[in-house]
N, C-alpha and C. Protein backbone atom coordinates (compact mmCIF):
# COMPACT_ATOMS: atom_id res chain seq x y z
N MET A 1 33.14 -100.08 -17.47
CA MET A 1 32.02 -99.69 -16.81
C MET A 1 32.30 -98.26 -15.97
N GLU A 2 31.15 -97.39 -16.13
CA GLU A 2 31.59 -96.18 -15.85
C GLU A 2 31.10 -96.13 -14.54
N ARG A 3 32.11 -95.71 -13.29
CA ARG A 3 31.39 -95.48 -11.89
C ARG A 3 30.37 -94.25 -11.95
N ARG A 4 29.38 -94.43 -11.36
CA ARG A 4 28.59 -93.59 -10.82
C ARG A 4 28.97 -92.80 -9.59
N ARG A 5 28.90 -91.31 -9.83
CA ARG A 5 29.06 -90.55 -8.83
C ARG A 5 27.85 -89.94 -8.21
N GLY A 6 27.50 -89.85 -6.91
CA GLY A 6 26.43 -89.55 -6.38
C GLY A 6 26.71 -89.48 -4.85
N PHE A 7 25.64 -89.67 -4.00
CA PHE A 7 25.87 -89.44 -2.28
C PHE A 7 25.39 -91.07 -2.05
N ARG A 8 25.72 -91.98 -2.58
CA ARG A 8 25.47 -93.08 -2.20
C ARG A 8 26.42 -93.49 -0.62
N GLY A 9 25.74 -93.84 0.24
CA GLY A 9 26.70 -94.15 1.55
C GLY A 9 26.53 -93.02 2.24
N THR A 10 25.90 -91.79 1.85
CA THR A 10 26.09 -90.66 2.53
C THR A 10 24.74 -90.52 3.47
N THR A 11 23.58 -91.57 3.32
CA THR A 11 22.49 -91.18 3.83
C THR A 11 22.63 -91.08 5.40
N PRO A 12 23.22 -92.38 5.88
CA PRO A 12 23.50 -92.86 7.26
C PRO A 12 24.05 -91.53 7.79
N VAL A 13 25.12 -91.05 7.28
CA VAL A 13 25.89 -89.53 7.86
C VAL A 13 24.87 -88.59 7.62
N ILE A 14 23.92 -88.48 6.85
CA ILE A 14 23.02 -87.12 7.05
C ILE A 14 22.06 -87.28 8.17
N ALA A 15 21.56 -88.49 8.28
CA ALA A 15 20.51 -89.02 9.12
C ALA A 15 21.33 -89.09 10.56
N LEU A 16 22.50 -89.06 10.96
CA LEU A 16 23.22 -88.73 12.03
C LEU A 16 23.41 -87.13 12.42
N ALA A 17 23.63 -86.41 11.02
CA ALA A 17 23.59 -85.36 11.67
C ALA A 17 22.37 -84.28 11.96
N ALA A 18 21.17 -85.31 11.33
CA ALA A 18 20.03 -84.50 11.50
C ALA A 18 19.65 -84.60 13.05
N ILE A 19 19.86 -85.93 13.42
CA ILE A 19 19.63 -86.31 14.76
C ILE A 19 20.41 -85.48 15.68
N ALA A 20 21.68 -85.52 15.33
CA ALA A 20 22.67 -84.33 16.19
C ALA A 20 22.21 -83.11 16.38
N LEU A 21 21.60 -82.59 15.33
CA LEU A 21 21.13 -81.12 15.12
C LEU A 21 19.93 -81.01 15.80
N ALA A 22 19.06 -81.98 15.88
CA ALA A 22 17.74 -81.99 16.40
C ALA A 22 17.98 -82.43 18.07
N ALA A 23 19.17 -82.79 18.48
CA ALA A 23 19.23 -82.97 19.75
C ALA A 23 19.76 -81.76 20.41
N ALA A 24 20.85 -81.16 19.85
CA ALA A 24 21.49 -79.61 19.90
C ALA A 24 20.26 -78.62 20.39
N CYS A 25 19.02 -78.87 19.08
CA CYS A 25 17.80 -77.83 19.49
C CYS A 25 16.80 -77.95 20.43
N ALA A 26 17.20 -79.07 21.08
CA ALA A 26 15.97 -79.49 21.84
C ALA A 26 16.17 -78.66 23.42
N GLU A 27 15.12 -78.56 23.65
CA GLU A 27 14.90 -77.63 25.10
C GLU A 27 15.89 -78.01 26.36
N ARG A 28 16.42 -77.20 26.77
CA ARG A 28 17.54 -77.73 27.73
C ARG A 28 17.11 -77.62 29.06
N ARG A 29 16.78 -78.74 29.64
CA ARG A 29 16.10 -78.91 30.91
C ARG A 29 17.23 -78.73 32.08
N ASP A 30 18.23 -78.28 31.92
CA ASP A 30 19.29 -78.31 32.84
C ASP A 30 19.39 -76.61 33.31
N LEU A 31 18.80 -76.01 32.72
CA LEU A 31 19.07 -74.43 32.83
C LEU A 31 17.74 -73.75 33.79
N PRO A 32 18.07 -73.15 34.81
CA PRO A 32 16.90 -72.53 35.61
C PRO A 32 15.90 -71.74 35.02
N ALA A 33 14.75 -71.84 35.26
CA ALA A 33 13.26 -71.24 34.85
C ALA A 33 13.81 -70.08 35.29
N ALA A 34 13.43 -68.82 34.41
CA ALA A 34 13.19 -67.40 34.70
C ALA A 34 12.10 -67.30 36.11
N PRO A 35 12.83 -66.26 36.95
CA PRO A 35 12.22 -66.21 37.97
C PRO A 35 10.86 -65.50 37.88
N ALA A 36 9.85 -66.03 38.85
CA ALA A 36 8.40 -65.26 38.54
C ALA A 36 8.29 -64.06 38.74
N PRO A 37 7.56 -63.27 38.17
CA PRO A 37 7.37 -61.79 38.68
C PRO A 37 6.76 -61.82 40.32
N PRO A 38 7.13 -60.68 40.80
CA PRO A 38 6.55 -60.48 42.28
C PRO A 38 5.07 -60.30 42.55
N ASP A 39 4.49 -60.67 43.38
CA ASP A 39 3.31 -60.71 43.23
C ASP A 39 2.44 -59.04 43.27
N ARG A 40 3.58 -58.32 43.99
CA ARG A 40 3.30 -56.70 43.91
C ARG A 40 4.70 -55.97 43.96
N VAL A 41 4.70 -55.58 42.78
CA VAL A 41 6.27 -54.49 42.26
C VAL A 41 6.05 -53.35 43.23
N THR A 42 7.39 -53.27 43.83
CA THR A 42 7.59 -52.22 45.08
C THR A 42 8.74 -51.37 44.17
N TYR A 43 8.79 -50.00 44.78
CA TYR A 43 10.19 -49.53 44.30
C TYR A 43 11.43 -49.94 44.90
N GLU A 44 11.32 -49.97 45.99
CA GLU A 44 12.61 -50.57 47.15
C GLU A 44 12.86 -51.81 46.54
N ALA A 45 11.95 -52.86 46.18
CA ALA A 45 12.68 -54.00 46.02
C ALA A 45 12.75 -54.32 44.73
N ASP A 46 12.09 -53.68 43.58
CA ASP A 46 12.04 -54.25 42.28
C ASP A 46 12.34 -53.01 41.14
N VAL A 47 11.86 -51.70 41.46
CA VAL A 47 12.24 -50.88 40.34
C VAL A 47 13.44 -49.95 40.76
N LYS A 48 13.93 -49.80 41.92
CA LYS A 48 15.14 -48.92 42.33
C LYS A 48 16.41 -49.60 41.51
N PRO A 49 16.27 -50.79 41.91
CA PRO A 49 17.50 -51.42 41.22
C PRO A 49 17.50 -51.21 39.42
N ILE A 50 16.31 -51.26 38.95
CA ILE A 50 16.69 -50.94 37.57
C ILE A 50 17.01 -49.67 37.30
N PHE A 51 16.25 -48.52 37.94
CA PHE A 51 16.79 -46.95 37.92
C PHE A 51 18.07 -46.85 38.17
N ASP A 52 18.75 -47.46 39.31
CA ASP A 52 19.75 -47.37 39.53
C ASP A 52 20.99 -47.50 38.47
N ALA A 53 20.87 -48.81 37.93
CA ALA A 53 21.45 -49.37 36.72
C ALA A 53 21.33 -48.84 35.59
N ARG A 54 20.09 -48.17 35.45
CA ARG A 54 19.88 -48.09 33.81
C ARG A 54 19.65 -46.54 33.71
N CYS A 55 19.24 -45.54 34.79
CA CYS A 55 18.62 -44.29 34.76
C CYS A 55 19.43 -43.18 35.36
N VAL A 56 19.96 -43.62 37.00
CA VAL A 56 20.48 -42.29 37.30
C VAL A 56 21.82 -41.68 36.99
N SER A 57 22.52 -42.66 36.12
CA SER A 57 23.84 -41.94 35.35
C SER A 57 23.40 -40.64 34.75
N CYS A 58 22.60 -40.63 34.08
CA CYS A 58 22.07 -39.32 33.48
C CYS A 58 20.82 -38.41 34.44
N HIS A 59 20.22 -39.20 34.93
CA HIS A 59 18.95 -38.27 35.79
C HIS A 59 19.36 -38.19 37.18
N SER A 60 20.27 -37.63 37.24
CA SER A 60 20.97 -37.38 38.86
C SER A 60 21.63 -35.96 38.91
N GLY A 61 22.28 -35.74 39.98
CA GLY A 61 23.26 -34.60 40.01
C GLY A 61 22.39 -33.20 39.77
N ASP A 62 23.22 -32.04 39.77
CA ASP A 62 22.92 -30.99 39.64
C ASP A 62 22.04 -30.28 38.28
N SER A 63 22.60 -31.36 37.53
CA SER A 63 21.80 -30.86 35.86
C SER A 63 21.27 -32.39 35.42
N PRO A 64 20.07 -33.00 36.00
CA PRO A 64 19.95 -34.36 35.75
C PRO A 64 19.41 -34.08 34.05
N ALA A 65 19.42 -34.89 33.26
CA ALA A 65 18.66 -35.12 31.88
C ALA A 65 17.17 -34.81 31.96
N GLY A 66 16.75 -33.75 30.80
CA GLY A 66 15.19 -33.25 31.11
C GLY A 66 15.21 -32.53 32.31
N ARG A 67 15.83 -31.93 33.14
CA ARG A 67 15.67 -31.69 34.61
C ARG A 67 14.88 -32.80 35.63
N TYR A 68 15.07 -34.25 35.04
CA TYR A 68 14.32 -34.92 35.88
C TYR A 68 15.07 -35.74 36.44
N ALA A 69 15.16 -35.74 37.73
CA ALA A 69 16.09 -36.43 38.63
C ALA A 69 15.33 -38.04 38.85
N MET A 70 15.87 -39.09 39.04
CA MET A 70 15.59 -40.32 39.40
C MET A 70 16.19 -41.25 40.51
N THR A 71 16.97 -40.20 41.56
CA THR A 71 17.39 -41.10 42.41
C THR A 71 16.77 -41.24 43.79
N THR A 72 15.55 -40.52 43.67
CA THR A 72 14.63 -40.97 44.91
C THR A 72 13.27 -41.24 44.43
N LEU A 73 12.20 -41.88 45.22
CA LEU A 73 10.79 -42.09 44.78
C LEU A 73 10.29 -40.48 44.73
N ASP A 74 10.55 -39.58 45.46
CA ASP A 74 9.98 -38.48 45.45
C ASP A 74 10.20 -37.53 44.08
N GLU A 75 11.68 -38.10 43.43
CA GLU A 75 12.31 -37.12 42.34
C GLU A 75 11.03 -37.81 41.34
N ILE A 76 11.23 -39.18 41.22
CA ILE A 76 10.72 -40.06 40.23
C ILE A 76 9.17 -39.69 40.11
N LYS A 77 8.32 -39.30 41.01
CA LYS A 77 6.98 -38.60 41.09
C LYS A 77 6.94 -37.31 40.55
N GLY A 78 8.07 -36.57 40.61
CA GLY A 78 8.13 -35.24 40.50
C GLY A 78 7.97 -34.95 38.60
N ASN A 79 8.14 -33.40 38.85
CA ASN A 79 8.08 -32.96 37.34
C ASN A 79 9.22 -32.77 36.67
N GLY A 80 9.15 -32.90 35.26
CA GLY A 80 10.55 -32.57 34.23
C GLY A 80 10.32 -31.41 33.82
N ILE A 81 11.30 -31.23 32.63
CA ILE A 81 11.28 -30.04 32.08
C ILE A 81 10.14 -29.35 31.67
N ASP A 82 9.28 -30.08 31.16
CA ASP A 82 7.91 -29.47 30.95
C ASP A 82 6.76 -29.53 31.74
N GLY A 83 7.29 -29.50 33.22
CA GLY A 83 6.49 -29.10 34.07
C GLY A 83 5.34 -30.46 34.72
N THR A 84 5.36 -31.37 33.74
CA THR A 84 4.12 -32.56 33.91
C THR A 84 5.11 -33.72 34.80
N PRO A 85 3.94 -34.04 35.86
CA PRO A 85 4.45 -35.44 36.62
C PRO A 85 4.96 -36.34 35.85
N ASN A 86 6.15 -37.32 35.75
CA ASN A 86 6.56 -38.08 35.31
C ASN A 86 6.07 -39.71 35.43
N ALA A 87 5.51 -39.84 36.60
CA ALA A 87 4.96 -41.06 36.96
C ALA A 87 3.59 -40.59 37.93
N ILE A 88 2.55 -40.92 37.23
CA ILE A 88 1.28 -40.82 38.22
C ILE A 88 0.63 -42.28 38.03
N ALA A 89 0.48 -42.49 39.71
CA ALA A 89 -0.10 -43.86 40.00
C ALA A 89 -1.30 -44.14 39.33
N GLY A 90 -1.47 -45.15 38.83
CA GLY A 90 -2.52 -45.96 37.86
C GLY A 90 -2.70 -45.19 36.49
N ASP A 91 -1.60 -44.47 35.94
CA ASP A 91 -1.86 -43.92 34.62
C ASP A 91 -0.79 -44.34 33.76
N ALA A 92 -1.62 -45.37 32.82
CA ALA A 92 -0.66 -45.84 31.64
C ALA A 92 -0.16 -44.83 30.81
N GLN A 93 -0.80 -43.83 30.69
CA GLN A 93 -0.33 -42.92 30.09
C GLN A 93 0.82 -41.92 30.40
N SER A 94 1.30 -42.07 31.64
CA SER A 94 2.41 -41.24 32.33
C SER A 94 3.70 -41.19 31.58
N LEU A 95 4.57 -40.16 31.43
CA LEU A 95 5.32 -40.16 30.83
C LEU A 95 6.56 -41.32 30.85
N LEU A 96 6.76 -41.48 32.24
CA LEU A 96 7.80 -42.63 32.71
C LEU A 96 7.68 -44.18 31.82
N VAL A 97 6.06 -44.23 31.89
CA VAL A 97 5.46 -45.75 30.96
C VAL A 97 5.82 -45.38 29.51
N LEU A 98 5.35 -44.22 29.19
CA LEU A 98 5.20 -43.95 27.63
C LEU A 98 6.99 -44.03 26.89
N LYS A 99 7.85 -43.28 27.99
CA LYS A 99 9.23 -43.28 27.25
C LYS A 99 9.96 -44.61 27.47
N SER A 100 9.15 -45.46 28.27
CA SER A 100 10.00 -46.64 28.51
C SER A 100 9.36 -47.72 27.48
N GLN A 101 8.45 -47.83 26.80
CA GLN A 101 8.02 -48.71 26.03
C GLN A 101 8.48 -48.68 24.61
N PRO A 102 8.49 -49.76 23.92
CA PRO A 102 9.46 -49.67 22.58
C PRO A 102 9.09 -48.65 21.69
N GLY A 103 9.89 -47.99 21.23
CA GLY A 103 9.53 -46.70 20.45
C GLY A 103 9.87 -45.49 21.08
N GLY A 104 9.84 -45.53 22.77
CA GLY A 104 9.86 -44.66 23.49
C GLY A 104 11.52 -44.06 23.66
N SER A 105 11.65 -43.05 23.71
CA SER A 105 13.21 -42.25 24.05
C SER A 105 13.95 -43.13 24.80
N MET A 106 13.57 -43.73 25.91
CA MET A 106 14.20 -44.30 26.88
C MET A 106 13.97 -46.00 26.85
N ASN A 107 13.49 -46.51 25.94
CA ASN A 107 13.10 -47.79 26.03
C ASN A 107 14.73 -48.61 25.80
N SER A 108 15.54 -48.09 24.81
CA SER A 108 16.84 -48.80 24.57
C SER A 108 17.76 -48.95 25.91
N PHE A 109 17.36 -48.20 27.02
CA PHE A 109 18.36 -48.32 28.13
C PHE A 109 17.95 -49.58 29.18
N TYR A 110 16.77 -49.95 28.87
CA TYR A 110 16.45 -51.06 29.27
C TYR A 110 17.28 -52.19 29.00
N SER A 111 17.30 -53.41 29.87
CA SER A 111 17.83 -54.34 29.45
C SER A 111 16.93 -55.40 29.01
N SER A 112 15.94 -55.46 29.18
CA SER A 112 14.97 -56.25 28.55
C SER A 112 13.51 -56.02 28.88
N PRO A 113 12.71 -56.47 27.78
CA PRO A 113 11.41 -56.54 27.89
C PRO A 113 10.59 -56.54 29.08
N ASP A 114 11.42 -57.66 30.09
CA ASP A 114 10.81 -57.91 31.55
C ASP A 114 10.91 -56.63 32.19
N GLU A 115 12.06 -55.83 32.00
CA GLU A 115 12.28 -54.84 33.07
C GLU A 115 11.17 -53.56 32.68
N VAL A 116 11.10 -53.30 31.42
CA VAL A 116 9.90 -52.58 30.96
C VAL A 116 8.56 -52.60 31.63
N ALA A 117 8.10 -53.93 31.44
CA ALA A 117 6.76 -54.53 31.86
C ALA A 117 6.88 -54.40 33.49
N LEU A 118 8.00 -54.52 34.37
CA LEU A 118 7.72 -54.27 35.41
C LEU A 118 7.90 -53.14 36.10
N VAL A 119 8.44 -51.87 35.44
CA VAL A 119 8.10 -50.37 35.54
C VAL A 119 6.60 -49.99 35.28
N GLU A 120 6.16 -50.34 34.27
CA GLU A 120 4.72 -50.19 33.83
C GLU A 120 4.03 -50.79 34.73
N ARG A 121 4.18 -52.19 35.16
CA ARG A 121 3.11 -52.58 36.24
C ARG A 121 3.13 -52.05 37.37
N TRP A 122 4.63 -51.32 37.82
CA TRP A 122 4.45 -50.70 39.18
C TRP A 122 3.91 -49.56 38.93
N VAL A 123 3.87 -48.45 38.03
CA VAL A 123 3.12 -47.47 37.94
C VAL A 123 1.65 -47.65 37.60
N VAL A 124 1.11 -48.54 37.16
CA VAL A 124 -0.17 -48.74 36.61
C VAL A 124 -1.01 -49.48 37.70
N GLU A 125 -0.43 -50.69 38.12
CA GLU A 125 -1.08 -51.87 38.85
C GLU A 125 -1.00 -51.42 40.29
N ASP A 126 0.32 -51.18 40.64
CA ASP A 126 0.74 -51.06 42.08
C ASP A 126 0.94 -49.88 42.26
N SER A 127 0.32 -48.74 41.68
CA SER A 127 0.36 -47.36 42.34
C SER A 127 1.80 -46.92 42.90
N LEU A 128 2.76 -46.99 42.06
CA LEU A 128 4.20 -46.28 42.65
C LEU A 128 4.35 -46.83 44.24
N ALA A 129 3.94 -47.90 44.71
CA ALA A 129 4.36 -48.68 45.69
C ALA A 129 5.54 -48.29 46.29
N ALA A 130 5.81 -47.97 47.36
CA ALA A 130 7.23 -47.85 47.97
C ALA A 130 7.64 -49.11 48.25
N ARG A 131 6.91 -49.77 49.30
CA ARG A 131 7.64 -50.98 49.85
C ARG A 131 6.79 -52.28 49.46
């Protein structure tokens, strides 16, 4: 009698593998939740740390990129190479906002979409609040 080849006896193994995979993909409940965004975004507490980490290495000193320094709040509100203010309180079309968005020339320097959203919220909703 010819012995049949196949997957006989492998069904329990496959079932156990599926259960293990499902368990590995389950939501991790031991990880901390992402911090809630602040009620009001301010330069000092929320935005300055982002700019210090992501922007001032190029946008500072005697020859800042685009002639636009970002080391102080007054500089951020100032004009760049084209003489246009880069951050206008309440203006979603400010250059700072537009260049930070996906497709904008500065977007790749941010570490996450959350940072971009925080900067936009600071300009548009919180009117460039200092503190």
